[in-house]
Amino acid sequence: MHQENNSSKTENAKIEFQKGNKMYLILESENIENNIFKVPSSVKGLYHTVYIDNWSCTCLQFNENCYTCKHMMYILIEKCTSKGIDYKAIGKMDVYEFLKKSRRLFVKDEKFISLIEKEEFPVTIGIESFYSKYQNYKF
């Protein structure tokens, strides 16, 4: 059984979630195609590409630690609010619960969602990574 209890990962997730939450108030993203988004960088004029299906981003933060970054959090917050989830409630949510709820907007594979909700796989992993890394997992 997998659990994301590593304190540094938990702290990092909370920090990135808060940054994404702040970005949501001031920035706009662009939906390039299905589950691929262009998000402004902290550096004016630069952008990052967020790939929700394989849970990745082109930013340095993601590429250094392969962990959910503020750009990914931003997209999830944007999608959750557009689906009627209260923005103020999102800011008070536990980051892992938020990731579990928000990915239902993107991922329709019930086996994958079930394993994440049972904490048998990391909530931070993307669907393509799930299939490539765990294709031999017995369901």
N, C-alpha and C. Protein backbone atom coordinates (compact mmCIF):
# COMPACT_ATOMS: atom_id res chain seq x y z
N MET A 1 0.83 -1.18 0.00
CA MET A 1 0.00 0.00 0.00
C MET A 1 0.88 1.25 0.00
N HIS A 2 0.60 2.17 -0.88
CA HIS A 2 1.39 3.40 -0.99
C HIS A 2 0.75 4.53 -0.20
N GLN A 3 1.57 5.28 0.51
CA GLN A 3 1.05 6.45 1.20
C GLN A 3 2.01 7.61 0.99
N GLU A 4 1.46 8.79 0.72
CA GLU A 4 2.29 9.97 0.52
C GLU A 4 2.41 10.73 1.83
N ASN A 5 3.13 10.14 2.76
CA ASN A 5 3.26 10.75 4.08
C ASN A 5 4.62 11.41 4.28
N ASN A 6 5.49 11.33 3.32
CA ASN A 6 6.79 11.98 3.43
C ASN A 6 6.56 13.45 3.74
N SER A 7 7.08 13.92 4.87
CA SER A 7 6.78 15.29 5.32
C SER A 7 7.26 16.35 4.34
N SER A 8 8.40 16.15 3.68
CA SER A 8 8.87 17.16 2.73
C SER A 8 7.95 17.20 1.50
N LYS A 9 7.46 16.05 1.04
CA LYS A 9 6.52 16.03 -0.08
C LYS A 9 5.20 16.68 0.31
N THR A 10 4.75 16.41 1.53
CA THR A 10 3.50 17.00 2.00
C THR A 10 3.63 18.51 2.09
N GLU A 11 4.73 19.00 2.67
CA GLU A 11 4.95 20.44 2.77
C GLU A 11 5.05 21.08 1.39
N ASN A 12 5.78 20.42 0.49
CA ASN A 12 5.93 20.92 -0.87
C ASN A 12 4.57 21.01 -1.56
N ALA A 13 3.74 19.99 -1.39
CA ALA A 13 2.42 19.98 -2.01
C ALA A 13 1.57 21.14 -1.49
N LYS A 14 1.64 21.39 -0.18
CA LYS A 14 0.88 22.50 0.41
C LYS A 14 1.35 23.84 -0.13
N ILE A 15 2.66 24.02 -0.24
CA ILE A 15 3.22 25.27 -0.75
C ILE A 15 2.79 25.49 -2.20
N GLU A 16 2.92 24.46 -3.03
CA GLU A 16 2.55 24.59 -4.45
C GLU A 16 1.05 24.82 -4.61
N PHE A 17 0.25 24.19 -3.76
CA PHE A 17 -1.19 24.39 -3.79
C PHE A 17 -1.52 25.85 -3.47
N GLN A 18 -0.88 26.40 -2.45
CA GLN A 18 -1.12 27.81 -2.08
C GLN A 18 -0.68 28.76 -3.18
N LYS A 19 0.45 28.47 -3.82
CA LYS A 19 0.91 29.31 -4.95
C LYS A 19 -0.08 29.25 -6.10
N GLY A 20 -0.57 28.06 -6.41
CA GLY A 20 -1.55 27.90 -7.48
C GLY A 20 -2.84 28.63 -7.16
N ASN A 21 -3.22 28.60 -5.90
CA ASN A 21 -4.41 29.29 -5.43
C ASN A 21 -4.28 30.80 -5.65
N LYS A 22 -3.11 31.36 -5.33
CA LYS A 22 -2.85 32.79 -5.53
C LYS A 22 -2.83 33.14 -7.01
N MET A 23 -2.21 32.27 -7.82
CA MET A 23 -2.16 32.51 -9.27
C MET A 23 -3.55 32.59 -9.86
N TYR A 24 -4.45 31.78 -9.33
CA TYR A 24 -5.81 31.73 -9.87
C TYR A 24 -6.49 33.09 -9.84
N LEU A 25 -6.14 33.92 -8.84
CA LEU A 25 -6.77 35.22 -8.69
C LEU A 25 -6.30 36.25 -9.72
N ILE A 26 -5.11 36.05 -10.29
CA ILE A 26 -4.54 37.10 -11.14
C ILE A 26 -4.20 36.68 -12.57
N LEU A 27 -4.13 35.41 -12.85
CA LEU A 27 -3.67 34.96 -14.16
C LEU A 27 -4.76 34.26 -14.96
N GLU A 28 -4.49 34.12 -16.25
CA GLU A 28 -5.38 33.36 -17.12
C GLU A 28 -4.57 32.32 -17.88
N SER A 29 -5.16 31.15 -18.06
CA SER A 29 -4.49 30.10 -18.81
C SER A 29 -5.15 29.96 -20.17
N GLU A 30 -4.53 29.15 -21.01
CA GLU A 30 -5.09 28.88 -22.33
C GLU A 30 -5.16 27.37 -22.51
N ASN A 31 -6.33 26.89 -22.93
CA ASN A 31 -6.51 25.47 -23.19
C ASN A 31 -6.02 25.21 -24.62
N ILE A 32 -4.84 24.60 -24.75
CA ILE A 32 -4.24 24.35 -26.06
C ILE A 32 -5.00 23.26 -26.78
N GLU A 33 -5.21 22.15 -26.09
CA GLU A 33 -6.04 21.05 -26.58
C GLU A 33 -6.50 20.25 -25.38
N ASN A 34 -7.17 19.13 -25.61
CA ASN A 34 -7.74 18.35 -24.53
C ASN A 34 -6.71 18.02 -23.45
N ASN A 35 -6.92 18.57 -22.25
CA ASN A 35 -6.06 18.33 -21.09
C ASN A 35 -4.62 18.81 -21.24
N ILE A 36 -4.39 19.77 -22.14
CA ILE A 36 -3.08 20.42 -22.28
C ILE A 36 -3.31 21.92 -22.18
N PHE A 37 -2.60 22.57 -21.25
CA PHE A 37 -2.84 23.97 -20.96
C PHE A 37 -1.55 24.78 -20.97
N LYS A 38 -1.67 26.03 -21.40
CA LYS A 38 -0.56 26.99 -21.40
C LYS A 38 -0.80 27.92 -20.20
N VAL A 39 0.17 27.95 -19.27
CA VAL A 39 0.03 28.72 -18.03
C VAL A 39 1.18 29.72 -17.93
N PRO A 40 0.88 30.98 -17.58
CA PRO A 40 1.96 31.96 -17.44
C PRO A 40 2.99 31.56 -16.39
N SER A 41 4.24 31.86 -16.67
CA SER A 41 5.34 31.63 -15.74
C SER A 41 5.41 32.78 -14.75
N SER A 42 6.21 32.62 -13.71
CA SER A 42 6.50 33.72 -12.79
C SER A 42 7.31 34.80 -13.50
N VAL A 43 8.02 34.40 -14.56
CA VAL A 43 8.81 35.34 -15.35
C VAL A 43 7.91 35.89 -16.45
N LYS A 44 7.74 37.21 -16.45
CA LYS A 44 6.83 37.86 -17.39
C LYS A 44 7.19 37.49 -18.83
N GLY A 45 6.17 37.12 -19.60
CA GLY A 45 6.34 36.78 -21.00
C GLY A 45 6.63 35.31 -21.28
N LEU A 46 6.95 34.54 -20.24
CA LEU A 46 7.21 33.11 -20.41
C LEU A 46 5.98 32.30 -19.99
N TYR A 47 5.87 31.10 -20.57
CA TYR A 47 4.75 30.21 -20.27
C TYR A 47 5.24 28.80 -20.04
N HIS A 48 4.43 28.03 -19.34
CA HIS A 48 4.70 26.61 -19.15
C HIS A 48 3.51 25.83 -19.71
N THR A 49 3.79 24.61 -20.13
CA THR A 49 2.73 23.74 -20.62
C THR A 49 2.46 22.67 -19.58
N VAL A 50 1.19 22.54 -19.21
CA VAL A 50 0.75 21.55 -18.24
C VAL A 50 0.02 20.45 -19.00
N TYR A 51 0.47 19.21 -18.79
CA TYR A 51 -0.14 18.03 -19.41
C TYR A 51 -0.84 17.24 -18.30
N ILE A 52 -2.13 17.40 -18.20
CA ILE A 52 -2.86 16.76 -17.10
C ILE A 52 -2.88 15.23 -17.26
N ASP A 53 -2.99 14.71 -18.49
CA ASP A 53 -3.07 13.26 -18.68
C ASP A 53 -1.84 12.53 -18.13
N ASN A 54 -0.66 13.09 -18.35
CA ASN A 54 0.52 12.39 -17.81
C ASN A 54 1.09 13.11 -16.59
N TRP A 55 0.31 14.06 -16.07
CA TRP A 55 0.62 14.75 -14.82
C TRP A 55 2.03 15.33 -14.85
N SER A 56 2.25 16.22 -15.81
CA SER A 56 3.57 16.84 -15.92
C SER A 56 3.45 18.30 -16.34
N CYS A 57 4.54 19.03 -16.14
CA CYS A 57 4.62 20.44 -16.49
C CYS A 57 6.03 20.70 -17.00
N THR A 58 6.18 21.70 -17.85
CA THR A 58 7.50 22.02 -18.40
C THR A 58 8.32 22.92 -17.48
N CYS A 59 7.79 23.27 -16.31
CA CYS A 59 8.51 24.18 -15.41
C CYS A 59 9.69 23.48 -14.71
N LEU A 60 10.61 24.30 -14.22
CA LEU A 60 11.79 23.80 -13.53
C LEU A 60 11.42 23.09 -12.24
N GLN A 61 10.44 23.65 -11.50
CA GLN A 61 10.00 23.05 -10.24
C GLN A 61 9.56 21.61 -10.46
N PHE A 62 8.75 21.38 -11.47
CA PHE A 62 8.30 20.01 -11.74
C PHE A 62 9.47 19.14 -12.18
N ASN A 63 10.31 19.65 -13.05
CA ASN A 63 11.40 18.84 -13.59
C ASN A 63 12.49 18.54 -12.57
N GLU A 64 12.60 19.35 -11.53
CA GLU A 64 13.57 19.06 -10.48
C GLU A 64 13.08 17.98 -9.53
N ASN A 65 11.78 17.99 -9.21
CA ASN A 65 11.31 17.01 -8.23
C ASN A 65 10.16 16.12 -8.70
N CYS A 66 9.72 16.27 -9.97
CA CYS A 66 8.65 15.45 -10.54
C CYS A 66 7.41 15.43 -9.67
N TYR A 67 7.08 16.57 -9.11
CA TYR A 67 5.97 16.65 -8.19
C TYR A 67 4.99 17.73 -8.63
N THR A 68 3.74 17.61 -8.25
CA THR A 68 2.70 18.54 -8.65
C THR A 68 3.12 19.98 -8.34
N CYS A 69 3.21 20.82 -9.38
CA CYS A 69 3.69 22.20 -9.24
C CYS A 69 2.53 23.19 -9.18
N LYS A 70 2.85 24.47 -8.98
CA LYS A 70 1.81 25.50 -8.87
C LYS A 70 1.02 25.65 -10.16
N HIS A 71 1.65 25.37 -11.31
CA HIS A 71 0.95 25.50 -12.59
C HIS A 71 -0.12 24.42 -12.73
N MET A 72 0.21 23.20 -12.27
CA MET A 72 -0.76 22.11 -12.30
C MET A 72 -1.89 22.38 -11.31
N MET A 73 -1.51 22.87 -10.11
CA MET A 73 -2.52 23.21 -9.10
C MET A 73 -3.45 24.29 -9.65
N TYR A 74 -2.87 25.27 -10.33
CA TYR A 74 -3.66 26.37 -10.92
C TYR A 74 -4.74 25.83 -11.85
N ILE A 75 -4.33 24.93 -12.75
CA ILE A 75 -5.30 24.36 -13.70
C ILE A 75 -6.40 23.60 -12.96
N LEU A 76 -6.03 22.82 -11.95
CA LEU A 76 -7.03 22.06 -11.20
C LEU A 76 -7.99 22.98 -10.47
N ILE A 77 -7.46 24.06 -9.87
CA ILE A 77 -8.32 25.02 -9.17
C ILE A 77 -9.26 25.68 -10.16
N GLU A 78 -8.72 26.08 -11.31
CA GLU A 78 -9.55 26.71 -12.35
C GLU A 78 -10.70 25.78 -12.78
N LYS A 79 -10.37 24.52 -13.01
CA LYS A 79 -11.39 23.56 -13.45
C LYS A 79 -12.41 23.30 -12.35
N CYS A 80 -11.96 23.20 -11.12
CA CYS A 80 -12.89 22.95 -10.02
C CYS A 80 -13.85 24.11 -9.84
N THR A 81 -13.35 25.34 -9.93
CA THR A 81 -14.24 26.48 -9.76
C THR A 81 -15.21 26.61 -10.93
N SER A 82 -14.75 26.25 -12.13
CA SER A 82 -15.66 26.32 -13.29
C SER A 82 -16.76 25.26 -13.21
N LYS A 83 -16.53 24.22 -12.39
CA LYS A 83 -17.54 23.17 -12.21
C LYS A 83 -18.42 23.44 -10.99
N GLY A 84 -18.27 24.64 -10.41
CA GLY A 84 -19.16 25.02 -9.32
C GLY A 84 -18.65 24.74 -7.92
N ILE A 85 -17.42 24.29 -7.79
CA ILE A 85 -16.85 24.08 -6.46
C ILE A 85 -16.43 25.44 -5.91
N ASP A 86 -16.84 25.75 -4.70
CA ASP A 86 -16.60 27.05 -4.10
C ASP A 86 -15.11 27.34 -3.96
N TYR A 87 -14.68 28.47 -4.53
CA TYR A 87 -13.27 28.85 -4.51
C TYR A 87 -12.74 28.97 -3.08
N LYS A 88 -13.51 29.57 -2.18
CA LYS A 88 -13.05 29.74 -0.80
C LYS A 88 -12.89 28.39 -0.11
N ALA A 89 -13.77 27.45 -0.42
CA ALA A 89 -13.68 26.11 0.17
C ALA A 89 -12.43 25.39 -0.33
N ILE A 90 -12.05 25.62 -1.59
CA ILE A 90 -10.85 24.98 -2.14
C ILE A 90 -9.62 25.39 -1.34
N GLY A 91 -9.53 26.66 -0.99
CA GLY A 91 -8.37 27.16 -0.23
C GLY A 91 -8.23 26.53 1.14
N LYS A 92 -9.33 26.01 1.68
CA LYS A 92 -9.29 25.40 3.02
C LYS A 92 -9.17 23.88 2.98
N MET A 93 -9.23 23.30 1.79
CA MET A 93 -9.19 21.85 1.64
C MET A 93 -7.79 21.28 1.89
N ASP A 94 -7.75 20.06 2.37
CA ASP A 94 -6.50 19.33 2.45
C ASP A 94 -6.01 19.09 1.02
N VAL A 95 -4.73 19.34 0.78
CA VAL A 95 -4.20 19.30 -0.58
C VAL A 95 -4.41 17.94 -1.26
N TYR A 96 -4.26 16.85 -0.51
CA TYR A 96 -4.43 15.52 -1.12
C TYR A 96 -5.90 15.24 -1.42
N GLU A 97 -6.79 15.70 -0.56
CA GLU A 97 -8.22 15.55 -0.84
C GLU A 97 -8.59 16.36 -2.08
N PHE A 98 -8.01 17.56 -2.19
CA PHE A 98 -8.26 18.40 -3.36
C PHE A 98 -7.79 17.68 -4.63
N LEU A 99 -6.59 17.09 -4.59
CA LEU A 99 -6.08 16.37 -5.77
C LEU A 99 -6.97 15.19 -6.13
N LYS A 100 -7.44 14.49 -5.12
CA LYS A 100 -8.34 13.35 -5.39
C LYS A 100 -9.64 13.80 -6.04
N LYS A 101 -10.22 14.87 -5.52
CA LYS A 101 -11.50 15.36 -6.07
C LYS A 101 -11.32 15.97 -7.45
N SER A 102 -10.28 16.78 -7.61
CA SER A 102 -10.12 17.51 -8.86
C SER A 102 -9.77 16.60 -10.03
N ARG A 103 -9.02 15.53 -9.78
CA ARG A 103 -8.65 14.67 -10.91
C ARG A 103 -9.85 13.91 -11.48
N ARG A 104 -10.95 13.84 -10.73
CA ARG A 104 -12.17 13.23 -11.29
C ARG A 104 -12.71 14.03 -12.47
N LEU A 105 -12.33 15.31 -12.55
CA LEU A 105 -12.74 16.14 -13.68
C LEU A 105 -12.01 15.75 -14.96
N PHE A 106 -10.88 15.08 -14.82
CA PHE A 106 -10.04 14.72 -15.97
C PHE A 106 -10.01 13.23 -16.24
N VAL A 107 -9.91 12.44 -15.18
CA VAL A 107 -9.69 11.00 -15.34
C VAL A 107 -10.99 10.25 -15.15
N LYS A 108 -11.33 9.42 -16.11
CA LYS A 108 -12.58 8.67 -16.05
C LYS A 108 -12.36 7.18 -15.76
N ASP A 109 -11.10 6.78 -15.62
CA ASP A 109 -10.77 5.37 -15.37
C ASP A 109 -11.04 5.05 -13.89
N GLU A 110 -12.10 4.30 -13.64
CA GLU A 110 -12.51 4.01 -12.26
C GLU A 110 -11.50 3.18 -11.49
N LYS A 111 -10.78 2.27 -12.17
CA LYS A 111 -9.76 1.47 -11.48
C LYS A 111 -8.65 2.37 -10.94
N PHE A 112 -8.21 3.29 -11.79
CA PHE A 112 -7.16 4.22 -11.41
C PHE A 112 -7.61 5.09 -10.23
N ILE A 113 -8.81 5.66 -10.33
CA ILE A 113 -9.33 6.52 -9.26
C ILE A 113 -9.50 5.72 -7.98
N SER A 114 -10.00 4.50 -8.08
CA SER A 114 -10.21 3.66 -6.91
C SER A 114 -8.89 3.38 -6.18
N LEU A 115 -7.84 3.08 -6.94
CA LEU A 115 -6.54 2.80 -6.32
C LEU A 115 -5.96 4.04 -5.65
N ILE A 116 -6.19 5.20 -6.23
CA ILE A 116 -5.73 6.44 -5.62
C ILE A 116 -6.51 6.72 -4.34
N GLU A 117 -7.82 6.55 -4.39
CA GLU A 117 -8.64 6.82 -3.22
C GLU A 117 -8.35 5.85 -2.07
N LYS A 118 -7.94 4.63 -2.41
CA LYS A 118 -7.56 3.65 -1.39
C LYS A 118 -6.12 3.85 -0.94
N GLU A 119 -5.43 4.84 -1.53
CA GLU A 119 -4.03 5.16 -1.24
C GLU A 119 -3.08 4.01 -1.57
N GLU A 120 -3.42 3.26 -2.62
CA GLU A 120 -2.52 2.23 -3.09
C GLU A 120 -1.55 2.77 -4.14
N PHE A 121 -1.87 3.94 -4.71
CA PHE A 121 -0.99 4.63 -5.65
C PHE A 121 -0.95 6.10 -5.29
N PRO A 122 0.14 6.79 -5.63
CA PRO A 122 0.24 8.21 -5.27
C PRO A 122 -0.83 9.05 -5.96
N VAL A 123 -1.40 9.96 -5.21
CA VAL A 123 -2.42 10.85 -5.74
C VAL A 123 -1.82 11.80 -6.77
N THR A 124 -0.52 11.97 -6.73
CA THR A 124 0.16 12.92 -7.61
C THR A 124 0.49 12.34 -8.98
N ILE A 125 0.29 11.05 -9.18
CA ILE A 125 0.68 10.41 -10.45
C ILE A 125 -0.38 10.66 -11.53
N GLY A 126 0.05 10.75 -12.77
CA GLY A 126 -0.86 10.95 -13.89
C GLY A 126 -1.30 9.64 -14.49
N ILE A 127 -2.36 9.68 -15.30
CA ILE A 127 -2.95 8.47 -15.86
C ILE A 127 -1.98 7.75 -16.80
N GLU A 128 -1.24 8.48 -17.63
CA GLU A 128 -0.29 7.82 -18.54
C GLU A 128 0.85 7.17 -17.76
N SER A 129 1.31 7.87 -16.72
CA SER A 129 2.36 7.30 -15.86
C SER A 129 1.84 6.05 -15.17
N PHE A 130 0.59 6.10 -14.74
CA PHE A 130 -0.04 4.96 -14.10
C PHE A 130 0.00 3.73 -15.01
N TYR A 131 -0.42 3.93 -16.26
CA TYR A 131 -0.45 2.80 -17.18
C TYR A 131 0.94 2.32 -17.55
N SER A 132 1.89 3.23 -17.69
CA SER A 132 3.23 2.79 -18.09
C SER A 132 3.98 2.12 -16.94
N LYS A 133 3.82 2.63 -15.72
CA LYS A 133 4.56 2.08 -14.58
C LYS A 133 3.87 0.87 -13.94
N TYR A 134 2.54 0.82 -14.00
CA TYR A 134 1.81 -0.19 -13.25
C TYR A 134 0.95 -1.08 -14.15
N GLN A 135 1.36 -1.22 -15.41
CA GLN A 135 0.53 -2.01 -16.33
C GLN A 135 0.42 -3.48 -15.92
N ASN A 136 1.38 -3.96 -15.15
CA ASN A 136 1.33 -5.37 -14.72
C ASN A 136 0.67 -5.54 -13.35
N TYR A 137 0.18 -4.45 -12.77
CA TYR A 137 -0.47 -4.52 -11.46
C TYR A 137 -1.75 -5.35 -11.59
N LYS A 138 -1.97 -6.22 -10.61
CA LYS A 138 -3.16 -7.09 -10.62
C LYS A 138 -4.32 -6.36 -9.96
N PHE A 139 -5.40 -6.15 -10.72
CA PHE A 139 -6.56 -5.42 -10.19
C PHE A 139 -7.56 -6.39 -9.60
